Each structure stands twice: as C-alpha cells, then as structure tokens.
Amino acid sequence: MNPQDYEVDIVPLRDDDGGGYAAVVPELPGCRSDGDTPEEALANAYDAVRCWMEAAEEMGRAVPSPRRIAA
C-alpha cells in the first residue's frame, strides 16, 4: 500500500497550541503529524503513515486498506 492512498485531514493549530498545521490519518488510529505549512504537514503525515505501517507489520497487526481509491 502507498501512504499517499490514505486520506489525510489537515487542520490549522491555534497559536496557543504552537501554530502550524496538524495532519491526521483517520483510518490509522493514532497516526498523526504536523508542520509549519499545510504542505509540510502532509509530507510529514505520509512519513508517519510509513512508520505506522512498519510498526503494525512488526507487531503482526493488519494494516487497514485505504478507503479512497487512488487515481
């Protein structure tokens, strides 16, 4: 599976939370990242997806298939 196949929700963070943007991958519990810009948050999220999938495989857990179909 390709990390870019997963949906990533990007939301702005409040200044009192450090500013920037949070990136959450709803299909992978606990998979999230952040960045100073939406683009950086998205790139970091794809890295987090790769790490999430590696950890799941090492623990013998299934990796959910992406809900959306890549174009």
PDB file of N, CA and C in Angstrom:
ATOM      1  N   MET A   1       0.831  -1.179   0.000  1.00  0.00           N
ATOM      2  CA  MET A   1       0.000   0.000   0.000  1.00  0.00           C
ATOM      3  C   MET A   1       0.880   1.248   0.000  1.00  0.00           C
ATOM      4  N   ASN A   2       0.383   2.256  -0.644  1.00  0.00           N
ATOM      5  CA  ASN A   2       1.098   3.509  -0.788  1.00  0.00           C
ATOM      6  C   ASN A   2       0.576   4.507   0.256  1.00  0.00           C
ATOM      7  N   PRO A   3       1.455   5.167   1.038  1.00  0.00           N
ATOM      8  CA  PRO A   3       0.989   6.138   2.028  1.00  0.00           C
ATOM      9  C   PRO A   3       0.089   7.227   1.437  1.00  0.00           C
ATOM     10  N   GLN A   4       0.336   7.602   0.180  1.00  0.00           N
ATOM     11  CA  GLN A   4      -0.459   8.657  -0.444  1.00  0.00           C
ATOM     12  C   GLN A   4      -1.887   8.205  -0.749  1.00  0.00           C
ATOM     13  N   ASP A   5      -2.188   6.924  -0.594  1.00  0.00           N
ATOM     14  CA  ASP A   5      -3.545   6.438  -0.829  1.00  0.00           C
ATOM     15  C   ASP A   5      -4.470   6.707   0.352  1.00  0.00           C
ATOM     16  N   TYR A   6      -3.900   7.067   1.497  1.00  0.00           N
ATOM     17  CA  TYR A   6      -4.706   7.301   2.692  1.00  0.00           C
ATOM     18  C   TYR A   6      -5.177   8.757   2.772  1.00  0.00           C
ATOM     19  N   GLU A   7      -6.374   8.928   3.261  1.00  0.00           N
ATOM     20  CA  GLU A   7      -6.925  10.266   3.494  1.00  0.00           C
ATOM     21  C   GLU A   7      -6.141  10.929   4.621  1.00  0.00           C
ATOM     22  N   VAL A   8      -5.811  12.196   4.448  1.00  0.00           N
ATOM     23  CA  VAL A   8      -5.144  12.975   5.486  1.00  0.00           C
ATOM     24  C   VAL A   8      -5.954  14.241   5.697  1.00  0.00           C
ATOM     25  N   ASP A   9      -6.388  14.445   6.939  1.00  0.00           N
ATOM     26  CA  ASP A   9      -7.120  15.661   7.292  1.00  0.00           C
ATOM     27  C   ASP A   9      -6.121  16.664   7.867  1.00  0.00           C
ATOM     28  N   ILE A  10      -6.088  17.843   7.280  1.00  0.00           N
ATOM     29  CA  ILE A  10      -5.161  18.882   7.734  1.00  0.00           C
ATOM     30  C   ILE A  10      -5.976  20.038   8.306  1.00  0.00           C
ATOM     31  N   VAL A  11      -5.636  20.399   9.543  1.00  0.00           N
ATOM     32  CA  VAL A  11      -6.353  21.484  10.215  1.00  0.00           C
ATOM     33  C   VAL A  11      -5.343  22.454  10.832  1.00  0.00           C
ATOM     34  N   PRO A  12      -5.664  23.744  10.823  1.00  0.00           N
ATOM     35  CA  PRO A  12      -4.758  24.708  11.442  1.00  0.00           C
ATOM     36  C   PRO A  12      -4.769  24.547  12.962  1.00  0.00           C
ATOM     37  N   LEU A  13      -3.605  24.746  13.556  1.00  0.00           N
ATOM     38  CA  LEU A  13      -3.486  24.731  15.009  1.00  0.00           C
ATOM     39  C   LEU A  13      -3.564  26.157  15.538  1.00  0.00           C
ATOM     40  N   ARG A  14      -4.146  26.302  16.696  1.00  0.00           N
ATOM     41  CA  ARG A  14      -4.222  27.631  17.319  1.00  0.00           C
ATOM     42  C   ARG A  14      -2.824  28.089  17.714  1.00  0.00           C
ATOM     43  N   ASP A  15      -2.644  29.387  17.758  1.00  0.00           N
ATOM     44  CA  ASP A  15      -1.344  29.939  18.142  1.00  0.00           C
ATOM     45  C   ASP A  15      -0.921  29.467  19.524  1.00  0.00           C
ATOM     46  N   ASP A  16      -1.875  29.355  20.461  1.00  0.00           N
ATOM     47  CA  ASP A  16      -1.514  28.905  21.807  1.00  0.00           C
ATOM     48  C   ASP A  16      -1.189  27.405  21.848  1.00  0.00           C
ATOM     49  N   ASP A  17      -1.435  26.692  20.750  1.00  0.00           N
ATOM     50  CA  ASP A  17      -1.027  25.290  20.611  1.00  0.00           C
ATOM     51  C   ASP A  17       0.256  25.168  19.799  1.00  0.00           C
ATOM     52  N   GLY A  18       0.878  26.307  19.496  1.00  0.00           N
ATOM     53  CA  GLY A  18       2.138  26.301  18.763  1.00  0.00           C
ATOM     54  C   GLY A  18       2.026  26.716  17.313  1.00  0.00           C
ATOM     55  N   GLY A  19       0.799  26.896  16.823  1.00  0.00           N
ATOM     56  CA  GLY A  19       0.602  27.298  15.435  1.00  0.00           C
ATOM     57  C   GLY A  19       0.924  26.177  14.471  1.00  0.00           C
ATOM     58  N   GLY A  20       0.913  26.475  13.211  1.00  0.00           N
ATOM     59  CA  GLY A  20       1.168  25.484  12.185  1.00  0.00           C
ATOM     60  C   GLY A  20      -0.085  24.687  11.863  1.00  0.00           C
ATOM     61  N   TYR A  21       0.118  23.456  11.435  1.00  0.00           N
ATOM     62  CA  TYR A  21      -0.991  22.615  10.975  1.00  0.00           C
ATOM     63  C   TYR A  21      -0.833  21.189  11.493  1.00  0.00           C
ATOM     64  N   ALA A  22      -1.941  20.595  11.885  1.00  0.00           N
ATOM     65  CA  ALA A  22      -1.965  19.189  12.279  1.00  0.00           C
ATOM     66  C   ALA A  22      -2.438  18.365  11.093  1.00  0.00           C
ATOM     67  N   ALA A  23      -1.894  17.169  10.967  1.00  0.00           N
ATOM     68  CA  ALA A  23      -2.297  16.238   9.912  1.00  0.00           C
ATOM     69  C   ALA A  23      -2.680  14.923  10.592  1.00  0.00           C
ATOM     70  N   VAL A  24      -3.921  14.483  10.361  1.00  0.00           N
ATOM     71  CA  VAL A  24      -4.445  13.278  10.999  1.00  0.00           C
ATOM     72  C   VAL A  24      -4.867  12.298   9.909  1.00  0.00           C
ATOM     73  N   VAL A  25      -4.511  11.031  10.097  1.00  0.00           N
ATOM     74  CA  VAL A  25      -4.899   9.965   9.164  1.00  0.00           C
ATOM     75  C   VAL A  25      -5.995   9.159   9.854  1.00  0.00           C
ATOM     76  N   PRO A  26      -7.278   9.437   9.540  1.00  0.00           N
ATOM     77  CA  PRO A  26      -8.381   8.835  10.279  1.00  0.00           C
ATOM     78  C   PRO A  26      -8.429   7.310  10.223  1.00  0.00           C
ATOM     79  N   GLU A  27      -7.940   6.718   9.168  1.00  0.00           N
ATOM     80  CA  GLU A  27      -8.030   5.262   9.012  1.00  0.00           C
ATOM     81  C   GLU A  27      -6.998   4.502   9.838  1.00  0.00           C
ATOM     82  N   LEU A  28      -5.977   5.205  10.330  1.00  0.00           N
ATOM     83  CA  LEU A  28      -4.906   4.561  11.088  1.00  0.00           C
ATOM     84  C   LEU A  28      -4.882   5.170  12.494  1.00  0.00           C
ATOM     85  N   PRO A  29      -5.440   4.480  13.474  1.00  0.00           N
ATOM     86  CA  PRO A  29      -5.547   5.038  14.827  1.00  0.00           C
ATOM     87  C   PRO A  29      -4.207   5.544  15.370  1.00  0.00           C
ATOM     88  N   GLY A  30      -4.227   6.790  15.827  1.00  0.00           N
ATOM     89  CA  GLY A  30      -3.046   7.392  16.414  1.00  0.00           C
ATOM     90  C   GLY A  30      -2.036   7.921  15.414  1.00  0.00           C
ATOM     91  N   CYS A  31      -2.313   7.785  14.128  1.00  0.00           N
ATOM     92  CA  CYS A  31      -1.378   8.241  13.105  1.00  0.00           C
ATOM     93  C   CYS A  31      -1.631   9.716  12.825  1.00  0.00           C
ATOM     94  N   ARG A  32      -0.672  10.528  13.227  1.00  0.00           N
ATOM     95  CA  ARG A  32      -0.800  11.976  13.041  1.00  0.00           C
ATOM     96  C   ARG A  32       0.574  12.608  12.972  1.00  0.00           C
ATOM     97  N   SER A  33       0.601  13.822  12.496  1.00  0.00           N
ATOM     98  CA  SER A  33       1.839  14.574  12.415  1.00  0.00           C
ATOM     99  C   SER A  33       1.489  16.052  12.375  1.00  0.00           C
ATOM    100  N   ASP A  34       2.477  16.884  12.117  1.00  0.00           N
ATOM    101  CA  ASP A  34       2.202  18.319  11.999  1.00  0.00           C
ATOM    102  C   ASP A  34       3.284  18.963  11.145  1.00  0.00           C
ATOM    103  N   GLY A  35       3.140  20.252  10.920  1.00  0.00           N
ATOM    104  CA  GLY A  35       4.111  21.002  10.142  1.00  0.00           C
ATOM    105  C   GLY A  35       3.791  22.478  10.182  1.00  0.00           C
ATOM    106  N   ASP A  36       4.745  23.285   9.757  1.00  0.00           N
ATOM    107  CA  ASP A  36       4.552  24.734   9.753  1.00  0.00           C
ATOM    108  C   ASP A  36       3.596  25.187   8.653  1.00  0.00           C
ATOM    109  N   THR A  37       3.523  24.419   7.575  1.00  0.00           N
ATOM    110  CA  THR A  37       2.621  24.737   6.460  1.00  0.00           C
ATOM    111  C   THR A  37       1.758  23.502   6.177  1.00  0.00           C
ATOM    112  N   PRO A  38       0.650  23.679   5.461  1.00  0.00           N
ATOM    113  CA  PRO A  38      -0.155  22.503   5.106  1.00  0.00           C
ATOM    114  C   PRO A  38       0.650  21.481   4.298  1.00  0.00           C
ATOM    115  N   GLU A  39       1.507  21.958   3.410  1.00  0.00           N
ATOM    116  CA  GLU A  39       2.308  21.058   2.588  1.00  0.00           C
ATOM    117  C   GLU A  39       3.296  20.258   3.439  1.00  0.00           C
ATOM    118  N   GLU A  40       3.912  20.921   4.401  1.00  0.00           N
ATOM    119  CA  GLU A  40       4.843  20.233   5.290  1.00  0.00           C
ATOM    120  C   GLU A  40       4.103  19.224   6.168  1.00  0.00           C
ATOM    121  N   ALA A  41       2.934  19.601   6.656  1.00  0.00           N
ATOM    122  CA  ALA A  41       2.132  18.682   7.465  1.00  0.00           C
ATOM    123  C   ALA A  41       1.754  17.437   6.659  1.00  0.00           C
ATOM    124  N   LEU A  42       1.396  17.623   5.395  1.00  0.00           N
ATOM    125  CA  LEU A  42       1.028  16.497   4.535  1.00  0.00           C
ATOM    126  C   LEU A  42       2.224  15.581   4.290  1.00  0.00           C
ATOM    127  N   ALA A  43       3.374  16.154   3.969  1.00  0.00           N
ATOM    128  CA  ALA A  43       4.583  15.346   3.758  1.00  0.00           C
ATOM    129  C   ALA A  43       4.945  14.575   5.024  1.00  0.00           C
ATOM    130  N   ASN A  44       4.841  15.235   6.171  1.00  0.00           N
ATOM    131  CA  ASN A  44       5.139  14.571   7.441  1.00  0.00           C
ATOM    132  C   ASN A  44       4.122  13.470   7.735  1.00  0.00           C
ATOM    133  N   ALA A  45       2.880  13.686   7.344  1.00  0.00           N
ATOM    134  CA  ALA A  45       1.846  12.668   7.553  1.00  0.00           C
ATOM    135  C   ALA A  45       2.149  11.418   6.733  1.00  0.00           C
ATOM    136  N   TYR A  46       2.602  11.579   5.513  1.00  0.00           N
ATOM    137  CA  TYR A  46       2.939  10.414   4.695  1.00  0.00           C
ATOM    138  C   TYR A  46       4.094   9.637   5.326  1.00  0.00           C
ATOM    139  N   ASP A  47       5.052  10.342   5.917  1.00  0.00           N
ATOM    140  CA  ASP A  47       6.134   9.672   6.631  1.00  0.00           C
ATOM    141  C   ASP A  47       5.577   8.926   7.847  1.00  0.00           C
ATOM    142  N   ALA A  48       4.630   9.554   8.544  1.00  0.00           N
ATOM    143  CA  ALA A  48       4.008   8.909   9.700  1.00  0.00           C
ATOM    144  C   ALA A  48       3.233   7.657   9.282  1.00  0.00           C
ATOM    145  N   VAL A  49       2.586   7.690   8.120  1.00  0.00           N
ATOM    146  CA  VAL A  49       1.872   6.511   7.615  1.00  0.00           C
ATOM    147  C   VAL A  49       2.860   5.377   7.377  1.00  0.00           C
ATOM    148  N   ARG A  50       3.991   5.678   6.761  1.00  0.00           N
ATOM    149  CA  ARG A  50       5.004   4.641   6.524  1.00  0.00           C
ATOM    150  C   ARG A  50       5.458   4.027   7.847  1.00  0.00           C
ATOM    151  N   CYS A  51       5.729   4.861   8.827  1.00  0.00           N
ATOM    152  CA  CYS A  51       6.163   4.369  10.139  1.00  0.00           C
ATOM    153  C   CYS A  51       5.067   3.553  10.815  1.00  0.00           C
ATOM    154  N   TRP A  52       3.816   4.008  10.701  1.00  0.00           N
ATOM    155  CA  TRP A  52       2.683   3.301  11.298  1.00  0.00           C
ATOM    156  C   TRP A  52       2.573   1.911  10.689  1.00  0.00           C
ATOM    157  N   MET A  53       2.678   1.827   9.367  1.00  0.00           N
ATOM    158  CA  MET A  53       2.555   0.540   8.683  1.00  0.00           C
ATOM    159  C   MET A  53       3.707  -0.392   9.071  1.00  0.00           C
ATOM    160  N   GLU A  54       4.928   0.128   9.162  1.00  0.00           N
ATOM    161  CA  GLU A  54       6.068  -0.695   9.564  1.00  0.00           C
ATOM    162  C   GLU A  54       5.869  -1.242  10.971  1.00  0.00           C
ATOM    163  N   ALA A  55       5.428  -0.385  11.890  1.00  0.00           N
ATOM    164  CA  ALA A  55       5.215  -0.822  13.269  1.00  0.00           C
ATOM    165  C   ALA A  55       4.117  -1.878  13.343  1.00  0.00           C
ATOM    166  N   ALA A  56       3.038  -1.682  12.609  1.00  0.00           N
ATOM    167  CA  ALA A  56       1.946  -2.661  12.612  1.00  0.00           C
ATOM    168  C   ALA A  56       2.435  -4.004  12.097  1.00  0.00           C
ATOM    169  N   GLU A  57       3.198  -3.987  11.029  1.00  0.00           N
ATOM    170  CA  GLU A  57       3.713  -5.232  10.462  1.00  0.00           C
ATOM    171  C   GLU A  57       4.663  -5.930  11.434  1.00  0.00           C
ATOM    172  N   GLU A  58       5.518  -5.157  12.121  1.00  0.00           N
ATOM    173  CA  GLU A  58       6.441  -5.735  13.099  1.00  0.00           C
ATOM    174  C   GLU A  58       5.689  -6.392  14.257  1.00  0.00           C
ATOM    175  N   MET A  59       4.528  -5.839  14.615  1.00  0.00           N
ATOM    176  CA  MET A  59       3.729  -6.390  15.708  1.00  0.00           C
ATOM    177  C   MET A  59       2.749  -7.458  15.227  1.00  0.00           C
ATOM    178  N   GLY A  60       2.768  -7.739  13.927  1.00  0.00           N
ATOM    179  CA  GLY A  60       1.869  -8.754  13.390  1.00  0.00           C
ATOM    180  C   GLY A  60       0.431  -8.304  13.277  1.00  0.00           C
ATOM    181  N   ARG A  61       0.217  -7.008  13.226  1.00  0.00           N
ATOM    182  CA  ARG A  61      -1.142  -6.455  13.104  1.00  0.00           C
ATOM    183  C   ARG A  61      -1.452  -6.125  11.651  1.00  0.00           C
ATOM    184  N   ALA A  62      -2.714  -6.218  11.322  1.00  0.00           N
ATOM    185  CA  ALA A  62      -3.149  -5.904   9.956  1.00  0.00           C
ATOM    186  C   ALA A  62      -3.100  -4.399   9.718  1.00  0.00           C
ATOM    187  N   VAL A  63      -2.774  -4.035   8.511  1.00  0.00           N
ATOM    188  CA  VAL A  63      -2.805  -2.630   8.095  1.00  0.00           C
ATOM    189  C   VAL A  63      -4.091  -2.431   7.306  1.00  0.00           C
ATOM    190  N   PRO A  64      -4.983  -1.536   7.789  1.00  0.00           N
ATOM    191  CA  PRO A  64      -6.236  -1.314   7.056  1.00  0.00           C
ATOM    192  C   PRO A  64      -5.984  -0.810   5.641  1.00  0.00           C
ATOM    193  N   SER A  65      -6.799  -1.281   4.722  1.00  0.00           N
ATOM    194  CA  SER A  65      -6.710  -0.767   3.357  1.00  0.00           C
ATOM    195  C   SER A  65      -7.263   0.636   3.329  1.00  0.00           C
ATOM    196  N   PRO A  66      -6.736   1.486   2.448  1.00  0.00           N
ATOM    197  CA  PRO A  66      -7.257   2.857   2.337  1.00  0.00           C
ATOM    198  C   PRO A  66      -8.709   2.819   1.859  1.00  0.00           C
ATOM    199  N   ARG A  67      -9.511   3.742   2.376  1.00  0.00           N
ATOM    200  CA  ARG A  67     -10.921   3.822   1.974  1.00  0.00           C
ATOM    201  C   ARG A  67     -11.066   4.382   0.575  1.00  0.00           C
ATOM    202  N   ARG A  68     -10.237   5.360   0.259  1.00  0.00           N
ATOM    203  CA  ARG A  68     -10.378   6.002  -1.044  1.00  0.00           C
ATOM    204  C   ARG A  68      -9.563   5.243  -2.071  1.00  0.00           C
ATOM    205  N   ILE A  69      -9.950   5.350  -3.267  1.00  0.00           N
ATOM    206  CA  ILE A  69      -9.254   4.679  -4.356  1.00  0.00           C
ATOM    207  C   ILE A  69      -8.361   5.696  -5.039  1.00  0.00           C
ATOM    208  N   ALA A  70      -7.083   5.372  -5.151  1.00  0.00           N
ATOM    209  CA  ALA A  70      -6.129   6.274  -5.784  1.00  0.00           C
ATOM    210  C   ALA A  70      -6.439   6.400  -7.259  1.00  0.00           C
ATOM    211  N   ALA A  71      -6.239   7.590  -7.786  1.00  0.00           N
ATOM    212  CA  ALA A  71      -6.494   7.828  -9.208  1.00  0.00           C
ATOM    213  C   ALA A  71      -5.385   7.299 -10.076  1.00  0.00           C
TER     214      ALA A  71
END
